[in-house]
Protein backbone atom coordinates (compact mmCIF):
# COMPACT_ATOMS: atom_id res chain seq x y z
CA UNK A 1 0.00 0.00 0.00
CA UNK A 2 1.09 3.60 -0.50
CA UNK A 3 1.42 5.82 2.57
CA UNK A 4 3.16 9.06 3.48
CA UNK A 5 5.93 9.18 6.10
CA UNK A 6 7.32 12.60 7.03
CA UNK A 7 6.07 13.98 3.73
CA UNK A 8 7.61 11.22 1.58
CA UNK A 9 5.46 8.72 -0.27
CA UNK A 10 6.49 5.10 0.33
CA UNK A 11 5.14 1.67 -0.53
CA UNK A 12 4.89 -0.80 2.35
CA UNK A 13 3.71 -4.31 3.07
CA UNK A 14 3.24 -3.46 6.77
CA UNK A 15 -0.21 -3.70 8.35
CA UNK A 16 0.43 -1.68 11.51
CA UNK A 17 2.90 0.82 12.95
CA UNK A 18 5.07 -1.83 14.63
CA UNK A 19 5.51 -3.71 11.35
CA UNK A 20 6.25 -0.47 9.49
CA UNK A 21 8.93 0.61 11.94
CA UNK A 22 10.55 -2.83 11.77
CA UNK A 23 10.41 -2.80 7.96
CA UNK A 24 11.87 0.72 7.77
CA UNK A 25 14.46 0.00 10.51
CA UNK A 26 13.17 2.79 12.75
CA UNK A 27 14.14 2.51 16.43
CA UNK A 28 10.88 3.03 18.34
CA UNK A 29 12.66 3.75 21.64
CA UNK A 30 13.41 7.34 20.66
CA UNK A 31 10.50 8.53 18.51
CA UNK A 32 7.05 10.07 18.76
CA UNK A 33 4.45 9.30 16.10
CA UNK A 34 1.33 10.98 14.74
CA UNK A 35 -1.13 9.09 12.53
CA UNK A 36 -3.20 11.43 10.33
CA UNK A 37 -2.35 14.24 12.75
CA UNK A 38 -3.22 12.36 15.96
CA UNK A 39 -0.53 11.30 18.47
CA UNK A 40 -0.17 7.51 18.87
CA UNK A 41 1.29 6.18 22.15
CA UNK A 42 3.94 3.46 21.79
CA UNK A 43 1.68 0.90 23.48
CA UNK A 44 -0.74 1.25 20.53
CA UNK A 45 1.77 0.68 17.71
CA UNK A 46 0.69 -2.98 17.34
CA UNK A 47 -3.00 -2.07 17.16
CA UNK A 48 -2.74 1.05 14.94
CA UNK A 49 -3.57 -0.32 11.49
CA UNK A 50 -2.22 1.42 8.42
CA UNK A 51 -4.57 2.58 5.65
CA UNK A 52 -3.93 3.40 2.01
CA UNK A 53 -2.93 7.05 1.80
CA UNK A 54 -2.49 7.60 5.55
CA UNK A 55 -0.04 10.27 6.78
CA UNK A 56 2.56 9.56 9.43
CA UNK A 57 4.88 11.96 11.17
CA UNK A 58 7.76 10.27 12.96
CA UNK A 59 9.76 12.63 15.14
CA UNK A 60 12.95 12.19 17.17
CA UNK A 61 13.75 14.45 20.10
CA UNK A 62 16.60 16.87 19.44
CA UNK A 63 19.27 17.86 21.91
CA UNK A 64 21.43 20.90 21.97
CA UNK A 65 21.55 24.35 23.30
């Protein structure tokens, strides 16, 4: 299916967020995720199903000063 991740269109075989992050080699320990503009807690990654055309924002905290 085709989805959008951080503004980039990708094709994935994943069915949920956990599968997508594994497929894309994204370390879930240091990210925050929004699905179609709504924050998704890490404990819901297995149950958050992906849909054709959905939009994901995957953000990592930044450090510095």
